[in-house]
Each structure stands twice: as structure tokens, then as C-alpha cells.
Protein backbone atom coordinates (compact mmCIF):
# COMPACT_ATOMS: atom_id res chain seq x y z
CA UNK A 1 -37.56 114.82 55.93
CA UNK A 2 -35.52 117.59 56.43
CA UNK A 3 -37.06 120.85 55.11
CA UNK A 4 -34.23 122.32 52.22
CA UNK A 5 -33.55 125.91 52.49
CA UNK A 6 -34.95 128.17 50.02
CA UNK A 7 -31.76 129.70 47.55
CA UNK A 8 -33.12 132.80 48.70
CA UNK A 9 -32.45 132.17 52.15
CA UNK A 10 -29.04 130.43 51.37
CA UNK A 11 -28.04 133.57 50.27
CA UNK A 12 -29.22 136.04 52.52
CA UNK A 13 -27.15 133.92 55.25
CA UNK A 14 -24.24 133.86 53.15
CA UNK A 15 -24.71 138.00 52.70
CA UNK A 16 -24.71 138.13 56.54
CA UNK A 17 -22.15 135.86 57.05
CA UNK A 18 -19.69 137.83 54.62
CA UNK A 19 -20.47 141.44 56.04
CA UNK A 20 -22.48 142.12 52.87
CA UNK A 21 -25.71 142.85 54.48
CA UNK A 22 -25.11 144.36 58.24
CA UNK A 23 -27.35 146.19 60.61
CA UNK A 24 -30.73 144.92 62.21
CA UNK A 25 -32.89 146.82 60.26
CA UNK A 26 -31.40 145.59 56.80
CA UNK A 27 -31.46 141.69 58.09
CA UNK A 28 -34.84 142.73 59.22
CA UNK A 29 -36.04 144.37 55.63
CA UNK A 30 -34.02 141.51 53.45
CA UNK A 31 -36.09 138.44 55.47
CA UNK A 32 -39.37 140.15 55.04
CA UNK A 33 -38.88 140.47 51.38
CA UNK A 34 -37.68 136.53 51.09
CA UNK A 35 -41.21 135.73 53.20
CA UNK A 36 -43.18 137.93 51.19
CA UNK A 37 -41.92 136.43 47.80
CA UNK A 38 -42.64 132.87 49.61
CA UNK A 39 -46.36 134.29 50.12
CA UNK A 40 -46.50 135.22 46.40
CA UNK A 41 -44.57 132.80 44.61
CA UNK A 42 -44.70 128.98 47.03
CA UNK A 43 -48.01 126.74 46.03
CA UNK A 44 -49.60 126.29 49.56
CA UNK A 45 -52.74 126.38 49.65
CA UNK A 46 -54.13 127.13 53.24
CA UNK A 47 -52.95 128.78 56.06
CA UNK A 48 -51.20 125.36 57.72
CA UNK A 49 -49.40 124.72 54.79
CA UNK A 50 -48.06 128.31 54.80
CA UNK A 51 -47.35 128.53 58.01
CA UNK A 52 -44.90 125.35 58.47
CA UNK A 53 -43.02 126.73 55.41
CA UNK A 54 -42.48 130.04 57.24
CA UNK A 55 -41.33 127.71 59.89
CA UNK A 56 -39.10 125.58 58.56
CA UNK A 57 -37.45 128.31 56.87
CA UNK A 58 -36.96 130.08 59.97
CA UNK A 59 -35.50 127.04 61.14
CA UNK A 60 -32.85 126.95 59.52
CA UNK A 61 -31.94 131.03 59.68
CA UNK A 62 -32.03 130.28 63.57
CA UNK A 63 -29.60 127.70 63.04
CA UNK A 64 -27.71 129.33 60.64
CA UNK A 65 -27.65 132.92 62.35
CA UNK A 66 -28.32 132.01 66.35
CA UNK A 67 -27.45 135.83 67.17
CA UNK A 68 -29.58 137.67 64.49
CA UNK A 69 -33.01 137.33 66.08
CA UNK A 70 -34.48 139.60 64.07
CA UNK A 71 -34.97 137.27 61.37
CA UNK A 72 -37.20 135.21 64.27
CA UNK A 73 -39.34 137.79 64.99
CA UNK A 74 -40.27 138.93 61.58
CA UNK A 75 -41.30 135.39 61.19
CA UNK A 76 -43.51 135.01 64.55
CA UNK A 77 -44.91 138.50 63.14
CA UNK A 78 -45.63 136.68 59.43
CA UNK A 79 -46.88 133.90 61.58
CA UNK A 80 -49.22 135.72 63.84
CA UNK A 81 -50.82 137.72 61.01
CA UNK A 82 -51.64 134.63 58.92
CA UNK A 83 -53.10 133.33 62.17
CA UNK A 84 -55.38 136.92 62.23
CA UNK A 85 -56.06 137.32 58.92
CA UNK A 86 -57.32 133.31 58.71
CA UNK A 87 -59.32 134.24 61.40
CA UNK A 88 -60.64 137.82 59.70
CA UNK A 89 -61.68 135.50 56.43
CA UNK A 90 -63.22 132.89 58.74
CA UNK A 91 -65.17 134.84 60.58
CA UNK A 92 -66.76 136.62 57.15
CA UNK A 93 -67.53 133.54 56.56
CA UNK A 94 -69.87 132.65 59.39
CA UNK A 95 -70.58 135.57 60.82
CA UNK A 96 -71.13 138.59 57.72
CA UNK A 97 -74.19 137.02 55.79
CA UNK A 98 -75.45 140.70 55.71
CA UNK A 99 -74.54 143.83 57.20
CA UNK A 100 -76.64 144.30 60.37
CA UNK A 101 -74.04 141.73 61.76
CA UNK A 102 -71.27 143.34 60.85
CA UNK A 103 -70.29 145.38 64.06
CA UNK A 104 -70.97 142.07 66.18
CA UNK A 105 -68.71 140.37 64.57
CA UNK A 106 -66.12 142.61 64.81
CA UNK A 107 -66.65 142.88 68.29
CA UNK A 108 -66.09 138.93 68.58
CA UNK A 109 -62.48 139.38 66.30
CA UNK A 110 -61.54 142.14 69.41
CA UNK A 111 -62.37 139.92 72.06
CA UNK A 112 -62.33 136.46 70.57
CA UNK A 113 -58.76 136.32 68.96
CA UNK A 114 -57.31 132.93 67.91
CA UNK A 115 -54.82 133.43 70.98
CA UNK A 116 -57.92 131.61 73.05
CA UNK A 117 -58.39 128.09 73.91
CA UNK A 118 -60.71 127.21 71.16
CA UNK A 119 -58.77 124.98 68.60
CA UNK A 120 -58.85 126.58 64.70
CA UNK A 121 -58.40 124.54 62.05
CA UNK A 122 -55.68 126.28 59.79
CA UNK A 123 -56.20 123.50 57.04
CA UNK A 124 -59.51 124.84 55.63
CA UNK A 125 -58.83 126.48 52.25
CA UNK A 126 -59.69 130.69 52.84
CA UNK A 127 -60.14 132.40 49.60
CA UNK A 128 -58.87 136.25 49.80
CA UNK A 129 -55.52 134.85 52.25
CA UNK A 130 -52.93 135.23 50.20
CA UNK A 131 -54.24 138.91 48.80
CA UNK A 132 -54.82 139.83 52.29
CA UNK A 133 -51.37 138.90 53.50
CA UNK A 134 -50.01 141.16 51.31
CA UNK A 135 -52.04 144.25 51.91
CA UNK A 136 -51.01 143.59 55.65
CA UNK A 137 -47.31 142.68 55.00
CA UNK A 138 -47.09 145.99 53.03
CA UNK A 139 -48.36 148.22 56.47
CA UNK A 140 -45.56 146.16 58.10
CA UNK A 141 -43.03 147.05 55.07
CA UNK A 142 -43.97 150.57 55.86
CA UNK A 143 -43.73 150.22 59.56
CA UNK A 144 -40.20 149.14 59.11
CA UNK A 145 -39.21 152.33 56.79
CA UNK A 146 -40.68 154.52 59.30
CA UNK A 147 -39.80 153.22 62.75
CA UNK A 148 -36.44 155.13 62.51
CA UNK A 149 -38.17 158.46 61.57
CA UNK A 150 -41.13 157.30 64.31
CA UNK A 151 -38.02 157.21 67.29
CA UNK A 152 -36.40 160.50 66.13
CA UNK A 153 -39.50 162.62 66.46
CA UNK A 154 -39.53 162.14 70.04
CA UNK A 155 -35.86 163.07 70.69
CA UNK A 156 -37.06 166.84 71.40
CA UNK A 157 -39.06 165.06 74.69
CA UNK A 158 -36.71 163.46 76.40
CA UNK A 159 -33.38 165.67 75.31
CA UNK A 160 -33.28 169.60 77.24
CA UNK A 161 -30.82 172.26 76.24
CA UNK A 162 -27.42 172.17 77.86
CA UNK A 163 -27.75 168.64 78.59
CA UNK A 164 -25.14 166.38 78.74
CA UNK A 165 -25.43 163.19 77.15
CA UNK A 166 -23.56 159.95 77.08
CA UNK A 167 -23.47 157.12 74.90
CA UNK A 168 -21.60 154.30 73.60
CA UNK A 169 -19.99 153.09 70.36
CA UNK A 170 -22.08 153.75 67.19
CA UNK A 171 -25.86 152.75 66.59
CA UNK A 172 -27.44 154.48 63.58
CA UNK A 173 -30.90 155.05 65.52
CA UNK A 174 -28.81 157.11 68.47
CA UNK A 175 -26.80 158.80 65.23
CA UNK A 176 -30.37 160.05 64.55
CA UNK A 177 -31.66 160.54 67.54
CA UNK A 178 -29.07 162.88 68.54
CA UNK A 179 -28.76 164.96 65.28
CA UNK A 180 -32.72 165.85 65.38
CA UNK A 181 -31.91 166.63 68.84
CA UNK A 182 -29.19 169.20 68.31
CA UNK A 183 -30.85 170.63 66.00
CA UNK A 184 -34.00 171.12 67.99
CA UNK A 185 -31.90 172.22 70.93
CA UNK A 186 -29.50 175.36 71.53
CA UNK A 187 -26.87 173.44 72.68
CA UNK A 188 -25.57 170.31 73.70
CA UNK A 189 -22.90 167.87 75.20
CA UNK A 190 -22.55 164.60 74.06
CA UNK A 191 -19.62 162.42 75.29
CA UNK A 192 -19.19 159.62 73.41
CA UNK A 193 -17.36 156.14 75.13
CA UNK A 194 -15.01 154.43 72.67
CA UNK A 195 -16.40 151.25 72.78
CA UNK A 196 -12.61 149.10 72.98
CA UNK A 197 -11.38 147.13 70.72
CA UNK A 198 -13.74 148.04 68.00
CA UNK A 199 -13.80 151.99 68.74
CA UNK A 200 -16.95 152.65 66.52
CA UNK A 201 -17.69 155.67 68.97
CA UNK A 202 -15.01 157.30 67.15
CA UNK A 203 -17.14 157.03 64.04
CA UNK A 204 -20.24 158.56 66.31
CA UNK A 205 -18.15 161.26 67.62
CA UNK A 206 -17.16 162.25 63.54
CA UNK A 207 -20.65 162.16 62.24
CA UNK A 208 -21.92 164.58 64.91
CA UNK A 209 -18.82 166.69 65.01
CA UNK A 210 -20.20 168.14 61.60
CA UNK A 211 -23.25 170.23 63.56
CA UNK A 212 -23.69 173.14 65.17
CA UNK A 213 -24.05 173.66 68.68
CA UNK A 214 -22.74 170.63 70.06
CA UNK A 215 -19.27 169.88 72.03
CA UNK A 216 -18.54 166.18 71.27
CA UNK A 217 -15.92 164.60 73.95
CA UNK A 218 -14.62 161.05 72.89
CA UNK A 219 -13.73 159.00 76.11
CA UNK A 220 -11.68 155.76 76.81
CA UNK A 221 -14.33 152.95 78.26
CA UNK A 222 -11.87 152.97 81.39
CA UNK A 223 -13.54 156.75 82.18
CA UNK A 224 -17.22 156.38 82.07
CA UNK A 225 -17.70 156.30 85.81
CA UNK A 226 -15.67 158.70 86.19
CA UNK A 227 -17.71 161.09 83.85
CA UNK A 228 -21.42 160.10 84.52
CA UNK A 229 -21.27 162.08 87.75
CA UNK A 230 -21.38 165.01 85.31
CA UNK A 231 -24.09 163.60 83.01
CA UNK A 232 -27.93 164.45 82.44
CA UNK A 233 -29.11 161.14 80.61
CA UNK A 234 -27.72 157.61 78.95
CA UNK A 235 -29.09 157.21 75.81
CA UNK A 236 -27.81 153.97 73.85
CA UNK A 237 -28.66 151.22 71.40
CA UNK A 238 -29.13 147.56 71.49
CA UNK A 239 -29.07 144.72 69.06
CA UNK A 240 -31.50 143.43 70.41
CA UNK A 241 -34.64 143.33 73.80
CA UNK A 242 -35.01 140.03 75.39
CA UNK A 243 -38.27 138.65 77.01
CA UNK A 244 -38.09 139.67 80.39
CA UNK A 245 -36.88 143.63 79.40
CA UNK A 246 -33.36 143.09 79.27
CA UNK A 247 -30.82 144.15 76.60
CA UNK A 248 -28.67 142.67 74.17
CA UNK A 249 -26.38 145.93 73.70
CA UNK A 250 -22.41 146.14 72.88
CA UNK A 251 -19.76 145.57 75.23
CA UNK A 252 -19.88 147.80 77.25
CA UNK A 253 -23.32 148.75 77.85
CA UNK A 254 -23.27 146.97 81.10
CA UNK A 255 -20.44 149.18 82.86
CA UNK A 256 -22.53 152.28 81.63
CA UNK A 257 -25.81 151.01 82.60
CA UNK A 258 -24.25 150.32 86.63
CA UNK A 259 -22.61 153.69 86.90
CA UNK A 260 -25.74 154.70 85.50
CA UNK A 261 -27.55 153.08 88.37
CA UNK A 262 -24.61 154.49 91.27
CA UNK A 263 -25.03 158.21 90.43
CA UNK A 264 -29.16 157.38 89.64
CA UNK A 265 -29.39 158.95 85.71
CA UNK A 266 -32.09 157.75 83.66
CA UNK A 267 -30.68 155.03 80.69
CA UNK A 268 -32.91 155.74 77.97
CA UNK A 269 -32.30 152.79 75.14
CA UNK A 270 -33.36 153.04 71.33
CA UNK A 271 -35.31 150.04 70.07
CA UNK A 272 -38.00 149.55 67.30
CA UNK A 273 -40.41 147.08 67.93
CA UNK A 274 -38.70 144.25 65.57
CA UNK A 275 -36.06 144.32 68.13
CA UNK A 276 -38.48 142.60 70.61
CA UNK A 277 -37.37 139.05 70.97
CA UNK A 278 -40.03 136.81 73.40
CA UNK A 279 -36.83 134.28 74.02
CA UNK A 280 -34.77 135.00 76.94
CA UNK A 281 -31.07 133.09 75.92
CA UNK A 282 -29.05 132.29 78.74
CA UNK A 283 -26.54 130.30 77.83
CA UNK A 284 -23.58 132.61 76.87
CA UNK A 285 -22.81 130.31 73.36
CA UNK A 286 -26.13 131.52 72.28
CA UNK A 287 -26.36 134.98 73.63
CA UNK A 288 -22.60 136.23 72.58
CA UNK A 289 -20.51 136.19 69.89
CA UNK A 290 -16.67 136.09 70.41
CA UNK A 291 -14.97 138.61 68.18
CA UNK A 292 -11.53 138.88 66.85
CA UNK A 293 -8.78 139.16 69.58
CA UNK A 294 -6.14 140.84 67.73
CA UNK A 295 -6.96 144.22 68.86
CA UNK A 296 -6.90 143.71 72.74
CA UNK A 297 -3.65 141.84 72.44
CA UNK A 298 -1.11 141.67 69.51
CA UNK A 299 -1.21 137.57 68.03
CA UNK A 300 2.76 138.54 67.76
CA UNK A 301 3.72 139.67 71.11
CA UNK A 302 4.78 138.02 74.17
CA UNK A 303 2.00 137.84 76.66
CA UNK A 304 -0.35 136.22 73.69
CA UNK A 305 1.77 132.93 73.48
CA UNK A 306 0.48 132.08 77.21
CA UNK A 307 -2.54 133.97 77.63
CA UNK A 308 -6.18 133.02 76.08
CA UNK A 309 -8.09 136.25 75.26
CA UNK A 310 -11.68 136.21 74.59
CA UNK A 311 -13.32 139.33 72.86
CA UNK A 312 -16.85 139.41 73.44
CA UNK A 313 -19.14 141.44 71.55
CA UNK A 314 -21.96 141.57 73.25
CA UNK A 315 -23.26 142.71 76.89
CA UNK A 316 -25.99 141.47 78.81
CA UNK A 317 -28.15 144.48 81.09
CA UNK A 318 -30.48 143.25 83.21
CA UNK A 319 -34.43 145.54 82.99
CA UNK A 320 -33.81 146.62 86.45
CA UNK A 321 -30.53 149.23 85.12
CA UNK A 322 -32.89 150.10 82.06
CA UNK A 323 -35.93 153.71 82.67
CA UNK A 324 -37.00 153.72 79.43
CA UNK A 325 -37.38 152.44 76.21
CA UNK A 326 -38.11 154.63 73.19
CA UNK A 327 -39.68 152.90 69.75
CA UNK A 328 -41.34 153.58 67.16
CA UNK A 329 -44.91 153.27 68.93
CA UNK A 330 -43.66 155.53 72.03
CA UNK A 331 -42.18 155.24 75.40
CA UNK A 332 -42.50 151.88 77.72
CA UNK A 333 -41.07 150.95 80.93
CA UNK A 334 -38.99 148.05 80.81
CA UNK A 335 -41.61 145.86 83.16
CA UNK A 336 -44.26 146.69 79.35
CA UNK A 337 -42.27 144.68 77.69
CA UNK A 338 -44.33 141.85 78.27
CA UNK A 339 -47.22 143.31 76.97
CA UNK A 340 -45.49 144.59 74.15
CA UNK A 341 -44.57 140.76 73.11
CA UNK A 342 -48.53 139.98 73.87
CA UNK A 343 -49.05 142.65 70.74
CA UNK A 344 -46.65 141.39 68.70
CA UNK A 345 -46.66 137.30 68.89
CA UNK A 346 -48.93 134.74 69.27
CA UNK A 347 -48.15 132.52 72.52
CA UNK A 348 -47.80 128.85 69.91
CA UNK A 349 -45.45 130.72 68.21
CA UNK A 350 -42.68 131.35 70.81
CA UNK A 351 -40.68 128.59 69.90
CA UNK A 352 -40.61 128.03 66.52
């Protein structure tokens, strides 16, 4: 029997599709609130029943919003937390008969996690699981709220006075990161590629122009390669980070990364942990979205009658073109992404 979507899930899907909820952070936060509501109010009796509810609702989100990987990411995070809390409570029942065995049992929890080959029966009811999960989800919520600030505080380590920085389009993470750097440094030059056809780079330039001790230069996308020889660092945001350390970033990011590679300019990507996805979407239909082509070529123009125009919204940037990821937990090389994924998600939950 096909699982029916919850009313809250349907409302979230509608809100995202009509643009009432925008941005990866807001979508992640709303999704977390729904799963938190499920844990509090749904009549599940054991961990297995809860995980099945989370999987069913996640599949509905995946089918309706295939490009919004953050919804699946937070669901996988909750599934792993459920396994960990179940194992912890189960270990307390089995091994915490007296305080003298506490350190030994804790060692076993660290070294023998639920990722081992030992089969665990999650259908066994565990007293206190609901409360433990809600407490842990509160920590996840705090992590989400502080992720932007934790990325921004690293600006001083990576941006120095009188440097020339190039960025693309408008990312809130990049905007806050650069504003922090501007306040801490004597003078900066920031080159903003406009990211046509939406030209969101103009919004970023207008926001940064209000700051002191900074020179803002807006360039068309065609001038990226010409300007790259003067640039010290490239700093961009991303929609998501795929399993191999590559990026699903705004259209034009691949051009920027290739130009930076040619001139040996480091490419720094700002990506909070909730954007790390354990999947690698190879098919273009699943990976990309096609926007309105009206801004590329007007519908009432003569060439539009004889041409089929696509306006893709994303680029794939391979990991070899990325120098460093800056997340809310610190800086990481693209080759380290696999390790971060094992810390965030359980192997059995990679495909929901």
C-alpha cells in the first residue's frame, strides 16, 4: 500500500514550489520541523516503525522535489540518530547494570556502532527513545542555526588585506563571509560575476557596496577568464556537494573553476554540512533544472521561432577543480568528503 503524504509534507512541497520557502537553510529548517513533529506526535511504538515513517515521507519529498537534496539529507541524518539512540539505550539496558561498567560500555558504543555487520532488531520497544531523539534533534537545530556564523568566523583565516576576490552570483553564505572579511581587513577588491541571465550578482554587489574599505567590480560572465589572472582567490557557494566531492552549483561555476585552474587560483567553496549529499546524480534530468529562456532570448524575437533554447540553472564542478571546502566544522579537502559522509549518514540509509 502506497504511503500517503502528511498534510505538513504536502504544505511544504507546495510552499517550495510556489517560492514561499526559498534557500537551502530555510528548506532544511522546515523539513526538520516536520520530522520533529512526526517524532513528537505520531503513534510509533519502536525505532523500526519510526524509521519507516521517515523513509516513506522522505520518498514523497524526493519524488516531488528531486533537486532539493537537503530534504533527503536531513531525513538520513534523523535515521542515523535514531539508530544511534536506540543502540545507546539498548546498551544501557544490557551493560549499565552498575556504574563500574559505564566506561567499558561507552567504549563498546564507540567501537561497535550500528554500522557493524551485527544485525540489530529495531522493532524492540525502547523506553525513552522519543525523549532522547528530541533532545538530539535540538542539538541538530542549534547546529543549523549557528552554521552560517561558524563559517563566517573562518573568513580571517582565508582572506587577507589588499587581496582580490572573485565570486559568482548571489549566495547568502558568501555574502556574510565576505562582509565579515571586509570588517576585519583594511582593504579588499571583490569582483562579482553577474551570473546571467538572472544576474543575481548585482544583488550581492549592491549589498557589499554599503560596506567601507572595499572596491566592488561587477563583470559580465564573458569577462571571467580575462579577469582571473588578477585574482588571488575564488570564493563561491554551492547548492549541494555530491558524494565524490563535486559541486552542484549555480550555472557559470564550472567556467569560474576552469579559469581558476588555468591560472592556479585557489577555489574555496562555502558549504555547511547539511548540503553534503551521499548520492552522485549522473543523469542531467535529475541533476539539473531548466529555467525560463525568456531572459536569454525573448519569445517574440524572430530567432526564437526557429531555435530551441535551454537555460540550465546548475553546473557540475568536478572535485579536482575545488581547492577547499569551508563548512561549519572547519576546512576540508574534497578528498575528505567521503569521511564526512560516513560521520553524517548510515550506510543503509544512503538509498532511501
